[in-house]
């Protein structure tokens, strides 16, 4: 997930169903995890991220009953101007608490976990 210097979190709105999510995506076969996350973020938002350590990992079933596994990293960006890909229709920079409420279970949990990890 992307944090601005003031602590806001970037959430993006999917074009497909207008739901909200954190920027990121699927990695290619044999792609380094951190490099793949940076690539996905750059493709979806146009932002370069300083990617830290993983802060949350979870497995779930999506709406089509397909198994999913996600790893969420704490990332910091200095730029707040977003250039969205065709996959997303909008974006917002939200306080972490507002981002938690806007996102689905696993992604909201990731924001909460990132706050706990970085408050220690």
N, C-alpha and C. Protein backbone atom coordinates (compact mmCIF):
# COMPACT_ATOMS: atom_id res chain seq x y z
N UNK A 1 0.83 -1.17 0.00
CA UNK A 1 0.00 0.00 0.00
C UNK A 1 0.87 1.23 0.00
N UNK A 2 0.34 2.31 -0.51
CA UNK A 2 1.12 3.53 -0.67
C UNK A 2 0.73 4.57 0.36
N UNK A 3 1.72 5.05 1.07
CA UNK A 3 1.52 6.11 2.04
C UNK A 3 2.21 7.37 1.54
N UNK A 4 1.50 8.49 1.61
CA UNK A 4 2.09 9.81 1.32
C UNK A 4 2.85 10.25 2.57
N UNK A 5 3.72 11.25 2.45
CA UNK A 5 4.47 11.72 3.62
C UNK A 5 3.58 12.15 4.80
N UNK A 6 2.36 12.62 4.53
CA UNK A 6 1.48 13.03 5.63
C UNK A 6 0.71 11.85 6.23
N UNK A 7 0.94 10.63 5.70
CA UNK A 7 0.30 9.44 6.25
C UNK A 7 -0.94 8.97 5.52
N UNK A 8 -1.42 9.74 4.53
CA UNK A 8 -2.59 9.31 3.76
C UNK A 8 -2.26 8.07 2.94
N UNK A 9 -3.30 7.28 2.66
CA UNK A 9 -3.19 6.03 1.90
C UNK A 9 -3.89 6.22 0.55
N UNK A 10 -3.26 5.71 -0.51
CA UNK A 10 -3.88 5.79 -1.84
C UNK A 10 -4.79 4.59 -2.05
N UNK A 11 -6.05 4.87 -2.42
CA UNK A 11 -6.99 3.84 -2.84
C UNK A 11 -7.43 4.18 -4.26
N UNK A 12 -7.66 3.14 -5.06
CA UNK A 12 -8.05 3.34 -6.46
C UNK A 12 -9.37 2.63 -6.72
N UNK A 13 -10.17 3.20 -7.61
CA UNK A 13 -11.49 2.66 -7.93
C UNK A 13 -11.41 1.86 -9.22
N UNK A 14 -11.82 0.59 -9.15
CA UNK A 14 -11.79 -0.27 -10.32
C UNK A 14 -12.78 0.21 -11.38
N UNK A 15 -12.38 0.14 -12.63
CA UNK A 15 -13.25 0.47 -13.74
C UNK A 15 -14.34 -0.60 -13.88
N UNK A 16 -13.99 -1.85 -13.64
CA UNK A 16 -14.89 -2.98 -13.90
C UNK A 16 -16.16 -2.96 -13.06
N UNK A 17 -16.05 -2.67 -11.77
CA UNK A 17 -17.21 -2.75 -10.91
C UNK A 17 -17.34 -1.57 -9.94
N UNK A 18 -16.49 -0.58 -10.09
CA UNK A 18 -16.48 0.63 -9.27
C UNK A 18 -16.13 0.39 -7.81
N UNK A 19 -15.63 -0.81 -7.49
CA UNK A 19 -15.16 -1.09 -6.14
C UNK A 19 -13.80 -0.45 -5.91
N UNK A 20 -13.41 -0.36 -4.64
CA UNK A 20 -12.15 0.28 -4.28
C UNK A 20 -11.13 -0.75 -3.84
N UNK A 21 -9.86 -0.47 -4.13
CA UNK A 21 -8.78 -1.38 -3.77
C UNK A 21 -7.48 -0.61 -3.61
N UNK A 22 -6.48 -1.32 -3.10
CA UNK A 22 -5.13 -0.77 -3.05
C UNK A 22 -4.47 -1.03 -4.40
N UNK A 23 -3.58 -0.15 -4.85
CA UNK A 23 -2.86 -0.42 -6.09
C UNK A 23 -1.99 -1.67 -5.94
N UNK A 24 -1.83 -2.38 -7.02
CA UNK A 24 -1.01 -3.60 -7.02
C UNK A 24 -1.56 -4.57 -8.03
N UNK A 25 -1.05 -5.77 -8.02
CA UNK A 25 -1.57 -6.74 -8.98
C UNK A 25 -0.79 -8.02 -8.96
N UNK A 26 -1.04 -8.81 -9.97
CA UNK A 26 -0.41 -10.13 -10.07
C UNK A 26 0.99 -10.02 -10.63
N UNK A 27 1.85 -10.88 -10.11
CA UNK A 27 3.23 -10.92 -10.56
C UNK A 27 3.40 -11.92 -11.68
N UNK A 28 4.41 -11.71 -12.50
CA UNK A 28 4.73 -12.65 -13.56
C UNK A 28 5.48 -13.85 -13.01
N UNK A 29 5.50 -14.93 -13.78
CA UNK A 29 6.23 -16.13 -13.38
C UNK A 29 7.69 -15.79 -13.15
N UNK A 30 8.24 -16.22 -12.04
CA UNK A 30 9.64 -16.01 -11.67
C UNK A 30 10.00 -14.54 -11.43
N UNK A 31 9.01 -13.66 -11.34
CA UNK A 31 9.29 -12.24 -11.09
C UNK A 31 9.59 -12.02 -9.61
N UNK A 32 10.62 -11.25 -9.32
CA UNK A 32 10.94 -10.89 -7.95
C UNK A 32 9.75 -10.16 -7.33
N UNK A 33 9.38 -10.54 -6.12
CA UNK A 33 8.17 -9.98 -5.49
C UNK A 33 8.22 -8.46 -5.39
N UNK A 34 9.28 -7.91 -4.82
CA UNK A 34 9.34 -6.46 -4.65
C UNK A 34 9.38 -5.73 -5.99
N UNK A 35 10.14 -6.24 -6.93
CA UNK A 35 10.20 -5.61 -8.25
C UNK A 35 8.84 -5.69 -8.95
N UNK A 36 8.15 -6.81 -8.79
CA UNK A 36 6.83 -6.96 -9.39
C UNK A 36 5.81 -6.00 -8.79
N UNK A 37 5.86 -5.82 -7.48
CA UNK A 37 4.95 -4.87 -6.84
C UNK A 37 5.25 -3.46 -7.31
N UNK A 38 6.52 -3.10 -7.38
CA UNK A 38 6.89 -1.76 -7.88
C UNK A 38 6.40 -1.57 -9.31
N UNK A 39 6.57 -2.59 -10.15
CA UNK A 39 6.12 -2.51 -11.54
C UNK A 39 4.62 -2.32 -11.61
N UNK A 40 3.87 -3.12 -10.86
CA UNK A 40 2.41 -3.01 -10.88
C UNK A 40 1.94 -1.62 -10.43
N UNK A 41 2.57 -1.11 -9.37
CA UNK A 41 2.19 0.22 -8.87
C UNK A 41 2.48 1.29 -9.92
N UNK A 42 3.64 1.19 -10.55
CA UNK A 42 3.99 2.16 -11.59
C UNK A 42 3.01 2.07 -12.77
N UNK A 43 2.65 0.86 -13.18
CA UNK A 43 1.71 0.69 -14.30
C UNK A 43 0.33 1.25 -13.96
N UNK A 44 -0.13 1.04 -12.73
CA UNK A 44 -1.49 1.44 -12.35
C UNK A 44 -1.61 2.90 -11.95
N UNK A 45 -0.52 3.49 -11.44
CA UNK A 45 -0.62 4.84 -10.87
C UNK A 45 0.38 5.84 -11.43
N UNK A 46 1.43 5.36 -12.09
CA UNK A 46 2.49 6.25 -12.56
C UNK A 46 3.43 6.69 -11.45
N UNK A 47 3.29 6.12 -10.26
CA UNK A 47 4.11 6.52 -9.11
C UNK A 47 5.28 5.57 -8.89
N UNK A 48 6.41 6.15 -8.46
CA UNK A 48 7.55 5.35 -8.02
C UNK A 48 7.46 5.23 -6.51
N UNK A 49 7.64 4.03 -6.01
CA UNK A 49 7.45 3.77 -4.59
C UNK A 49 8.74 3.28 -3.95
N UNK A 50 8.97 3.75 -2.74
CA UNK A 50 10.04 3.22 -1.89
C UNK A 50 9.37 2.12 -1.07
N UNK A 51 9.61 0.87 -1.47
CA UNK A 51 8.89 -0.26 -0.91
C UNK A 51 9.63 -0.84 0.29
N UNK A 52 8.92 -0.96 1.39
CA UNK A 52 9.46 -1.53 2.62
C UNK A 52 9.18 -3.01 2.71
N UNK A 53 9.04 -3.47 3.94
CA UNK A 53 8.80 -4.89 4.21
C UNK A 53 7.32 -5.23 4.12
N UNK A 54 7.01 -6.53 3.93
CA UNK A 54 5.61 -6.95 3.98
C UNK A 54 5.01 -6.63 5.36
N UNK A 55 3.75 -6.22 5.35
CA UNK A 55 3.06 -5.90 6.61
C UNK A 55 1.83 -6.78 6.83
N UNK A 56 1.43 -7.52 5.79
CA UNK A 56 0.24 -8.35 5.92
C UNK A 56 0.24 -9.39 4.80
N UNK A 57 -0.18 -10.59 5.14
CA UNK A 57 -0.37 -11.65 4.14
C UNK A 57 -1.66 -12.38 4.50
N UNK A 58 -2.43 -12.73 3.47
CA UNK A 58 -3.72 -13.37 3.74
C UNK A 58 -4.16 -14.19 2.52
N UNK A 59 -5.02 -15.16 2.77
CA UNK A 59 -5.63 -15.96 1.70
C UNK A 59 -7.14 -15.81 1.83
N UNK A 60 -7.85 -15.85 0.69
CA UNK A 60 -9.30 -15.72 0.70
C UNK A 60 -9.85 -16.27 -0.60
N UNK A 61 -11.17 -16.36 -0.70
CA UNK A 61 -11.85 -16.74 -1.94
C UNK A 61 -12.55 -15.50 -2.47
N UNK A 62 -12.39 -15.25 -3.78
CA UNK A 62 -13.03 -14.08 -4.37
C UNK A 62 -14.49 -14.39 -4.71
N UNK A 63 -15.15 -13.43 -5.35
CA UNK A 63 -16.58 -13.60 -5.69
C UNK A 63 -16.84 -14.77 -6.63
N UNK A 64 -15.84 -15.17 -7.41
CA UNK A 64 -15.97 -16.31 -8.31
C UNK A 64 -15.52 -17.62 -7.66
N UNK A 65 -15.28 -17.58 -6.35
CA UNK A 65 -14.84 -18.73 -5.55
C UNK A 65 -13.44 -19.23 -5.94
N UNK A 66 -12.64 -18.33 -6.51
CA UNK A 66 -11.25 -18.67 -6.80
C UNK A 66 -10.39 -18.31 -5.59
N UNK A 67 -9.46 -19.20 -5.26
CA UNK A 67 -8.54 -18.93 -4.16
C UNK A 67 -7.57 -17.81 -4.52
N UNK A 68 -7.32 -16.95 -3.58
CA UNK A 68 -6.39 -15.83 -3.77
C UNK A 68 -5.45 -15.76 -2.57
N UNK A 69 -4.24 -15.29 -2.82
CA UNK A 69 -3.26 -15.06 -1.76
C UNK A 69 -2.63 -13.71 -2.02
N UNK A 70 -2.61 -12.86 -1.03
CA UNK A 70 -2.05 -11.53 -1.20
C UNK A 70 -1.02 -11.22 -0.13
N UNK A 71 0.01 -10.52 -0.55
CA UNK A 71 1.03 -10.01 0.37
C UNK A 71 1.04 -8.50 0.18
N UNK A 72 0.95 -7.77 1.27
CA UNK A 72 0.87 -6.31 1.23
C UNK A 72 2.14 -5.72 1.83
N UNK A 73 2.72 -4.79 1.11
CA UNK A 73 3.95 -4.12 1.52
C UNK A 73 3.66 -2.69 1.93
N UNK A 74 4.44 -2.17 2.84
CA UNK A 74 4.37 -0.75 3.21
C UNK A 74 5.23 0.01 2.22
N UNK A 75 4.65 0.96 1.52
CA UNK A 75 5.38 1.76 0.54
C UNK A 75 5.17 3.23 0.78
N UNK A 76 6.21 4.01 0.51
CA UNK A 76 6.12 5.46 0.68
C UNK A 76 6.38 6.13 -0.67
N UNK A 77 5.55 7.10 -0.99
CA UNK A 77 5.73 7.90 -2.20
C UNK A 77 5.83 9.36 -1.79
N UNK A 78 6.57 10.12 -2.57
CA UNK A 78 6.68 11.56 -2.30
C UNK A 78 5.76 12.36 -3.20
N UNK A 79 5.40 11.79 -4.33
CA UNK A 79 4.52 12.45 -5.30
C UNK A 79 3.08 12.02 -5.04
N UNK A 80 2.13 12.95 -5.13
CA UNK A 80 0.72 12.63 -4.92
C UNK A 80 -0.10 12.72 -6.20
N UNK A 81 0.54 13.08 -7.32
CA UNK A 81 -0.16 13.18 -8.58
C UNK A 81 -0.19 11.80 -9.23
N UNK A 82 -1.38 11.29 -9.41
CA UNK A 82 -1.58 9.93 -9.90
C UNK A 82 -1.98 9.95 -11.36
N UNK A 83 -1.40 9.05 -12.15
CA UNK A 83 -1.77 8.86 -13.55
C UNK A 83 -2.32 7.44 -13.67
N UNK A 84 -3.65 7.32 -13.67
CA UNK A 84 -4.30 6.02 -13.63
C UNK A 84 -4.22 5.27 -14.95
N UNK A 85 -4.11 3.95 -14.86
CA UNK A 85 -4.20 3.08 -16.03
C UNK A 85 -5.69 2.90 -16.37
N UNK A 86 -5.96 2.19 -17.45
CA UNK A 86 -7.34 1.92 -17.86
C UNK A 86 -8.09 1.04 -16.85
N UNK A 87 -7.37 0.38 -15.96
CA UNK A 87 -7.99 -0.51 -14.98
C UNK A 87 -8.76 0.24 -13.89
N UNK A 88 -8.47 1.53 -13.76
CA UNK A 88 -9.06 2.30 -12.66
C UNK A 88 -9.72 3.58 -13.16
N UNK A 89 -10.85 3.90 -12.52
CA UNK A 89 -11.64 5.07 -12.93
C UNK A 89 -11.41 6.28 -12.03
N UNK A 90 -10.86 6.06 -10.85
CA UNK A 90 -10.66 7.16 -9.92
C UNK A 90 -9.71 6.77 -8.82
N UNK A 91 -9.33 7.77 -8.02
CA UNK A 91 -8.46 7.52 -6.87
C UNK A 91 -8.73 8.55 -5.80
N UNK A 92 -8.34 8.21 -4.59
CA UNK A 92 -8.42 9.14 -3.47
C UNK A 92 -7.27 8.86 -2.52
N UNK A 93 -6.77 9.94 -1.93
CA UNK A 93 -5.83 9.83 -0.82
C UNK A 93 -6.68 9.98 0.44
N UNK A 94 -6.70 8.95 1.28
CA UNK A 94 -7.53 8.95 2.47
C UNK A 94 -6.69 8.75 3.73
N UNK A 95 -7.21 9.20 4.84
CA UNK A 95 -6.56 8.87 6.11
C UNK A 95 -6.59 7.35 6.24
N UNK A 96 -5.66 6.75 6.96
CA UNK A 96 -5.67 5.29 7.09
C UNK A 96 -6.99 4.75 7.62
N UNK A 97 -7.61 5.41 8.57
CA UNK A 97 -8.89 4.93 9.13
C UNK A 97 -9.99 4.96 8.07
N UNK A 98 -10.04 6.02 7.26
CA UNK A 98 -11.04 6.08 6.19
C UNK A 98 -10.75 5.04 5.12
N UNK A 99 -9.47 4.81 4.83
CA UNK A 99 -9.10 3.79 3.85
C UNK A 99 -9.53 2.40 4.32
N UNK A 100 -9.33 2.10 5.60
CA UNK A 100 -9.77 0.82 6.16
C UNK A 100 -11.26 0.59 5.92
N UNK A 101 -12.05 1.64 6.14
CA UNK A 101 -13.51 1.51 5.97
C UNK A 101 -13.91 1.40 4.49
N UNK A 102 -13.15 2.01 3.61
CA UNK A 102 -13.48 2.01 2.17
C UNK A 102 -13.16 0.67 1.51
N UNK A 103 -12.16 -0.04 2.01
CA UNK A 103 -11.65 -1.24 1.36
C UNK A 103 -12.34 -2.51 1.86
N UNK A 104 -12.22 -3.58 1.04
CA UNK A 104 -12.76 -4.88 1.43
C UNK A 104 -11.95 -5.45 2.58
N UNK A 105 -12.45 -6.52 3.18
CA UNK A 105 -11.84 -7.15 4.33
C UNK A 105 -10.33 -7.31 4.31
N UNK A 106 -9.78 -8.11 3.38
CA UNK A 106 -8.33 -8.34 3.40
C UNK A 106 -7.52 -7.06 3.21
N UNK A 107 -7.97 -6.16 2.37
CA UNK A 107 -7.21 -4.95 2.12
C UNK A 107 -7.36 -3.94 3.27
N UNK A 108 -8.53 -3.86 3.85
CA UNK A 108 -8.71 -3.02 5.03
C UNK A 108 -7.86 -3.53 6.19
N UNK A 109 -7.81 -4.87 6.33
CA UNK A 109 -6.96 -5.47 7.36
C UNK A 109 -5.49 -5.15 7.12
N UNK A 110 -5.08 -5.10 5.86
CA UNK A 110 -3.68 -4.79 5.54
C UNK A 110 -3.33 -3.38 5.98
N UNK A 111 -4.23 -2.42 5.76
CA UNK A 111 -3.98 -1.05 6.20
C UNK A 111 -3.86 -1.00 7.71
N UNK A 112 -4.77 -1.66 8.40
CA UNK A 112 -4.74 -1.70 9.85
C UNK A 112 -3.43 -2.30 10.36
N UNK A 113 -3.02 -3.39 9.75
CA UNK A 113 -1.78 -4.06 10.13
C UNK A 113 -0.56 -3.16 9.88
N UNK A 114 -0.56 -2.46 8.77
CA UNK A 114 0.56 -1.56 8.45
C UNK A 114 0.69 -0.49 9.51
N UNK A 115 -0.42 0.02 9.98
CA UNK A 115 -0.39 1.05 11.02
C UNK A 115 0.18 0.49 12.32
N UNK A 116 -0.23 -0.71 12.68
CA UNK A 116 0.26 -1.35 13.90
C UNK A 116 1.76 -1.59 13.81
N UNK A 117 2.23 -2.09 12.68
CA UNK A 117 3.64 -2.41 12.49
C UNK A 117 4.48 -1.15 12.59
N UNK A 118 4.02 -0.05 11.99
CA UNK A 118 4.82 1.17 11.95
C UNK A 118 4.63 2.07 13.15
N UNK A 119 3.65 1.75 14.02
CA UNK A 119 3.49 2.50 15.26
C UNK A 119 4.36 1.94 16.37
N UNK A 120 4.89 0.73 16.17
CA UNK A 120 5.72 0.10 17.20
C UNK A 120 7.07 0.76 17.32
